[in-house]
Amino acid sequence: MNTNHNPLDPRSIRKQLGLNQQEFWSRIGVTQSGGSRYESGRNMPKPVQELLRVVHVEGIDLARVQRHDIHLIEHLRSNKPDLYERLLSEAQAK
């Protein structure tokens, strides 16, 4: 059974999104049978937890994220914090 505390409840998240197991788990590279085991309480590895959080909780489409996007974000956050905060506020307002 689940020996580590899992902060994410994949079954609840999946049901909230209205997805079947195949749709939900395939978006993060997990088979339906593997996802079913996680939903039944099997310990979910940290990388799978993070993918679940990023894709299904944060709603980030990983196919659209490029390395240069991450570099740009890091650059803005470090070197232009005021501009970063302004752009972030504008993006969140949409």
N, C-alpha and C. Protein backbone atom coordinates (compact mmCIF):
# COMPACT_ATOMS: atom_id res chain seq x y z
N MET A 1 0.83 -1.19 0.00
CA MET A 1 0.00 0.00 0.00
C MET A 1 0.87 1.25 0.00
N ASN A 2 0.26 2.38 0.17
CA ASN A 2 0.93 3.67 0.09
C ASN A 2 1.72 3.93 1.36
N THR A 3 3.06 3.87 1.25
CA THR A 3 3.89 4.08 2.42
C THR A 3 4.28 5.53 2.60
N ASN A 4 4.28 6.31 1.55
CA ASN A 4 4.59 7.73 1.63
C ASN A 4 3.30 8.52 1.51
N HIS A 5 3.25 9.66 2.18
CA HIS A 5 2.06 10.50 2.07
C HIS A 5 2.02 11.12 0.67
N ASN A 6 0.93 10.90 -0.03
CA ASN A 6 0.73 11.45 -1.36
C ASN A 6 -0.11 12.71 -1.25
N PRO A 7 0.47 13.88 -1.48
CA PRO A 7 -0.30 15.10 -1.33
C PRO A 7 -1.38 15.27 -2.41
N LEU A 8 -1.24 14.55 -3.51
CA LEU A 8 -2.21 14.65 -4.60
C LEU A 8 -3.08 13.41 -4.62
N ASP A 9 -4.37 13.61 -4.81
CA ASP A 9 -5.30 12.49 -4.94
C ASP A 9 -5.65 12.38 -6.42
N PRO A 10 -4.95 11.49 -7.15
CA PRO A 10 -5.14 11.45 -8.60
C PRO A 10 -6.56 11.13 -9.03
N ARG A 11 -7.24 10.26 -8.31
CA ARG A 11 -8.61 9.90 -8.69
C ARG A 11 -9.53 11.12 -8.59
N SER A 12 -9.40 11.88 -7.50
CA SER A 12 -10.24 13.08 -7.34
C SER A 12 -9.94 14.11 -8.42
N ILE A 13 -8.66 14.31 -8.72
CA ILE A 13 -8.27 15.28 -9.75
C ILE A 13 -8.82 14.84 -11.10
N ARG A 14 -8.69 13.56 -11.40
CA ARG A 14 -9.18 13.03 -12.69
C ARG A 14 -10.68 13.21 -12.81
N LYS A 15 -11.40 12.89 -11.76
CA LYS A 15 -12.87 13.01 -11.80
C LYS A 15 -13.29 14.47 -11.92
N GLN A 16 -12.57 15.37 -11.22
CA GLN A 16 -12.87 16.80 -11.34
C GLN A 16 -12.71 17.28 -12.78
N LEU A 17 -11.72 16.74 -13.47
CA LEU A 17 -11.46 17.14 -14.85
C LEU A 17 -12.38 16.42 -15.84
N GLY A 18 -13.11 15.42 -15.37
CA GLY A 18 -14.03 14.69 -16.23
C GLY A 18 -13.34 13.81 -17.26
N LEU A 19 -12.16 13.28 -16.90
CA LEU A 19 -11.40 12.45 -17.83
C LEU A 19 -11.46 10.99 -17.40
N ASN A 20 -11.42 10.09 -18.39
CA ASN A 20 -11.29 8.68 -18.03
C ASN A 20 -9.80 8.41 -17.74
N GLN A 21 -9.52 7.21 -17.21
CA GLN A 21 -8.14 6.91 -16.83
C GLN A 21 -7.18 6.99 -18.01
N GLN A 22 -7.59 6.48 -19.16
CA GLN A 22 -6.72 6.50 -20.33
C GLN A 22 -6.34 7.93 -20.70
N GLU A 23 -7.32 8.81 -20.78
CA GLU A 23 -7.06 10.22 -21.15
C GLU A 23 -6.16 10.90 -20.11
N PHE A 24 -6.49 10.71 -18.86
CA PHE A 24 -5.78 11.37 -17.77
C PHE A 24 -4.32 10.94 -17.69
N TRP A 25 -4.10 9.64 -17.62
CA TRP A 25 -2.74 9.14 -17.40
C TRP A 25 -1.87 9.24 -18.64
N SER A 26 -2.45 9.09 -19.83
CA SER A 26 -1.62 9.15 -21.04
C SER A 26 -1.01 10.53 -21.24
N ARG A 27 -1.64 11.56 -20.73
CA ARG A 27 -1.10 12.93 -20.87
C ARG A 27 0.21 13.12 -20.11
N ILE A 28 0.50 12.23 -19.17
CA ILE A 28 1.76 12.34 -18.44
C ILE A 28 2.63 11.10 -18.64
N GLY A 29 2.31 10.31 -19.66
CA GLY A 29 3.15 9.17 -20.03
C GLY A 29 3.03 7.96 -19.14
N VAL A 30 1.88 7.81 -18.48
CA VAL A 30 1.65 6.65 -17.62
C VAL A 30 0.56 5.80 -18.27
N THR A 31 0.73 4.49 -18.23
CA THR A 31 -0.29 3.61 -18.79
C THR A 31 -1.56 3.67 -17.94
N GLN A 32 -2.66 3.28 -18.53
CA GLN A 32 -3.93 3.25 -17.80
C GLN A 32 -3.82 2.29 -16.61
N SER A 33 -3.19 1.13 -16.82
CA SER A 33 -3.09 0.16 -15.73
C SER A 33 -2.20 0.69 -14.59
N GLY A 34 -1.12 1.38 -14.95
CA GLY A 34 -0.26 1.98 -13.94
C GLY A 34 -1.00 3.06 -13.16
N GLY A 35 -1.73 3.90 -13.89
CA GLY A 35 -2.52 4.94 -13.24
C GLY A 35 -3.57 4.38 -12.32
N SER A 36 -4.18 3.28 -12.74
CA SER A 36 -5.19 2.63 -11.90
C SER A 36 -4.58 2.18 -10.58
N ARG A 37 -3.36 1.67 -10.65
CA ARG A 37 -2.68 1.24 -9.41
C ARG A 37 -2.41 2.44 -8.50
N TYR A 38 -1.99 3.57 -9.08
CA TYR A 38 -1.77 4.77 -8.26
C TYR A 38 -3.08 5.24 -7.64
N GLU A 39 -4.17 5.17 -8.40
CA GLU A 39 -5.46 5.59 -7.87
C GLU A 39 -5.94 4.65 -6.77
N SER A 40 -5.46 3.42 -6.77
CA SER A 40 -5.84 2.44 -5.74
C SER A 40 -4.94 2.50 -4.51
N GLY A 41 -3.97 3.41 -4.51
CA GLY A 41 -3.15 3.60 -3.32
C GLY A 41 -1.69 3.24 -3.45
N ARG A 42 -1.26 2.71 -4.58
CA ARG A 42 0.16 2.40 -4.74
C ARG A 42 0.96 3.70 -4.68
N ASN A 43 2.14 3.62 -4.09
CA ASN A 43 3.00 4.80 -3.97
C ASN A 43 3.35 5.34 -5.35
N MET A 44 3.14 6.63 -5.54
CA MET A 44 3.43 7.29 -6.81
C MET A 44 4.82 7.92 -6.73
N PRO A 45 5.73 7.57 -7.64
CA PRO A 45 7.07 8.17 -7.62
C PRO A 45 6.99 9.69 -7.75
N LYS A 46 7.96 10.36 -7.16
CA LYS A 46 8.00 11.83 -7.16
C LYS A 46 7.91 12.41 -8.58
N PRO A 47 8.62 11.88 -9.58
CA PRO A 47 8.49 12.46 -10.93
C PRO A 47 7.07 12.38 -11.48
N VAL A 48 6.38 11.28 -11.19
CA VAL A 48 4.99 11.14 -11.64
C VAL A 48 4.10 12.15 -10.91
N GLN A 49 4.34 12.32 -9.60
CA GLN A 49 3.59 13.32 -8.83
C GLN A 49 3.77 14.71 -9.43
N GLU A 50 5.00 15.03 -9.77
CA GLU A 50 5.28 16.36 -10.33
C GLU A 50 4.63 16.55 -11.69
N LEU A 51 4.69 15.53 -12.54
CA LEU A 51 4.03 15.61 -13.84
C LEU A 51 2.52 15.77 -13.65
N LEU A 52 1.95 15.02 -12.73
CA LEU A 52 0.52 15.14 -12.46
C LEU A 52 0.18 16.56 -12.02
N ARG A 53 0.98 17.10 -11.12
CA ARG A 53 0.75 18.47 -10.63
C ARG A 53 0.85 19.49 -11.76
N VAL A 54 1.92 19.42 -12.53
CA VAL A 54 2.15 20.40 -13.59
C VAL A 54 1.06 20.33 -14.66
N VAL A 55 0.75 19.12 -15.12
CA VAL A 55 -0.18 18.95 -16.23
C VAL A 55 -1.63 19.09 -15.79
N HIS A 56 -2.01 18.42 -14.71
CA HIS A 56 -3.43 18.35 -14.36
C HIS A 56 -3.87 19.35 -13.30
N VAL A 57 -2.97 19.81 -12.45
CA VAL A 57 -3.34 20.81 -11.45
C VAL A 57 -3.03 22.21 -11.97
N GLU A 58 -1.82 22.40 -12.48
CA GLU A 58 -1.43 23.72 -13.01
C GLU A 58 -1.97 23.96 -14.41
N GLY A 59 -2.34 22.89 -15.12
CA GLY A 59 -2.91 23.02 -16.45
C GLY A 59 -1.92 23.42 -17.53
N ILE A 60 -0.68 22.98 -17.38
CA ILE A 60 0.36 23.32 -18.35
C ILE A 60 0.46 22.24 -19.41
N ASP A 61 0.37 22.64 -20.67
CA ASP A 61 0.52 21.71 -21.79
C ASP A 61 2.01 21.59 -22.08
N LEU A 62 2.60 20.48 -21.66
CA LEU A 62 4.04 20.30 -21.80
C LEU A 62 4.50 20.32 -23.24
N ALA A 63 3.63 19.97 -24.17
CA ALA A 63 4.01 19.99 -25.58
C ALA A 63 4.28 21.42 -26.06
N ARG A 64 3.77 22.40 -25.37
CA ARG A 64 3.97 23.80 -25.77
C ARG A 64 5.15 24.46 -25.08
N VAL A 65 5.73 23.83 -24.08
CA VAL A 65 6.83 24.42 -23.32
C VAL A 65 8.15 24.08 -23.99
N GLN A 66 8.94 25.10 -24.25
CA GLN A 66 10.26 24.93 -24.86
C GLN A 66 11.33 25.38 -23.86
N ARG A 67 12.52 24.86 -24.01
CA ARG A 67 13.62 25.22 -23.11
C ARG A 67 13.86 26.72 -23.10
N HIS A 68 13.78 27.37 -24.27
CA HIS A 68 14.04 28.81 -24.30
C HIS A 68 12.98 29.58 -23.52
N ASP A 69 11.76 29.05 -23.40
CA ASP A 69 10.73 29.69 -22.59
C ASP A 69 11.17 29.72 -21.12
N ILE A 70 11.70 28.61 -20.66
CA ILE A 70 12.15 28.52 -19.27
C ILE A 70 13.32 29.46 -19.03
N HIS A 71 14.25 29.52 -19.97
CA HIS A 71 15.40 30.43 -19.84
C HIS A 71 14.93 31.88 -19.79
N LEU A 72 13.97 32.22 -20.62
CA LEU A 72 13.44 33.58 -20.63
C LEU A 72 12.79 33.92 -19.29
N ILE A 73 12.01 33.02 -18.78
CA ILE A 73 11.36 33.25 -17.48
C ILE A 73 12.41 33.45 -16.39
N GLU A 74 13.41 32.58 -16.36
CA GLU A 74 14.47 32.69 -15.36
C GLU A 74 15.22 34.01 -15.50
N HIS A 75 15.49 34.42 -16.73
CA HIS A 75 16.18 35.68 -16.97
C HIS A 75 15.35 36.87 -16.47
N LEU A 76 14.08 36.89 -16.85
CA LEU A 76 13.21 37.98 -16.40
C LEU A 76 13.10 38.01 -14.88
N ARG A 77 12.88 36.87 -14.28
CA ARG A 77 12.72 36.80 -12.82
C ARG A 77 13.97 37.30 -12.11
N SER A 78 15.16 36.96 -12.61
CA SER A 78 16.42 37.35 -11.97
C SER A 78 16.86 38.77 -12.28
N ASN A 79 16.71 39.16 -13.56
CA ASN A 79 17.30 40.43 -14.00
C ASN A 79 16.32 41.58 -14.17
N LYS A 80 15.06 41.27 -14.33
CA LYS A 80 14.04 42.30 -14.53
C LYS A 80 12.81 41.97 -13.68
N PRO A 81 12.98 41.91 -12.35
CA PRO A 81 11.87 41.46 -11.50
C PRO A 81 10.61 42.32 -11.62
N ASP A 82 10.79 43.63 -11.82
CA ASP A 82 9.60 44.49 -11.96
C ASP A 82 8.83 44.15 -13.23
N LEU A 83 9.55 43.97 -14.33
CA LEU A 83 8.92 43.60 -15.59
C LEU A 83 8.28 42.22 -15.47
N TYR A 84 8.98 41.29 -14.84
CA TYR A 84 8.43 39.94 -14.63
C TYR A 84 7.11 40.00 -13.87
N GLU A 85 7.07 40.74 -12.78
CA GLU A 85 5.86 40.86 -11.96
C GLU A 85 4.72 41.51 -12.75
N ARG A 86 5.05 42.54 -13.52
CA ARG A 86 4.02 43.22 -14.32
C ARG A 86 3.44 42.28 -15.38
N LEU A 87 4.32 41.58 -16.08
CA LEU A 87 3.86 40.64 -17.10
C LEU A 87 3.05 39.49 -16.49
N LEU A 88 3.48 39.03 -15.34
CA LEU A 88 2.78 37.96 -14.65
C LEU A 88 1.37 38.43 -14.26
N SER A 89 1.28 39.63 -13.73
CA SER A 89 -0.04 40.18 -13.35
C SER A 89 -0.94 40.33 -14.55
N GLU A 90 -0.39 40.82 -15.65
CA GLU A 90 -1.19 40.97 -16.88
C GLU A 90 -1.67 39.62 -17.40
N ALA A 91 -0.79 38.63 -17.37
CA ALA A 91 -1.15 37.30 -17.86
C ALA A 91 -2.23 36.66 -17.00
N GLN A 92 -2.13 36.84 -15.69
CA GLN A 92 -3.11 36.27 -14.78
C GLN A 92 -4.47 36.96 -14.88
N ALA A 93 -4.47 38.21 -15.29
CA ALA A 93 -5.72 38.96 -15.43
C ALA A 93 -6.55 38.50 -16.62
N LYS A 94 -5.90 37.82 -17.57
CA LYS A 94 -6.61 37.37 -18.77
C LYS A 94 -7.37 36.10 -18.55
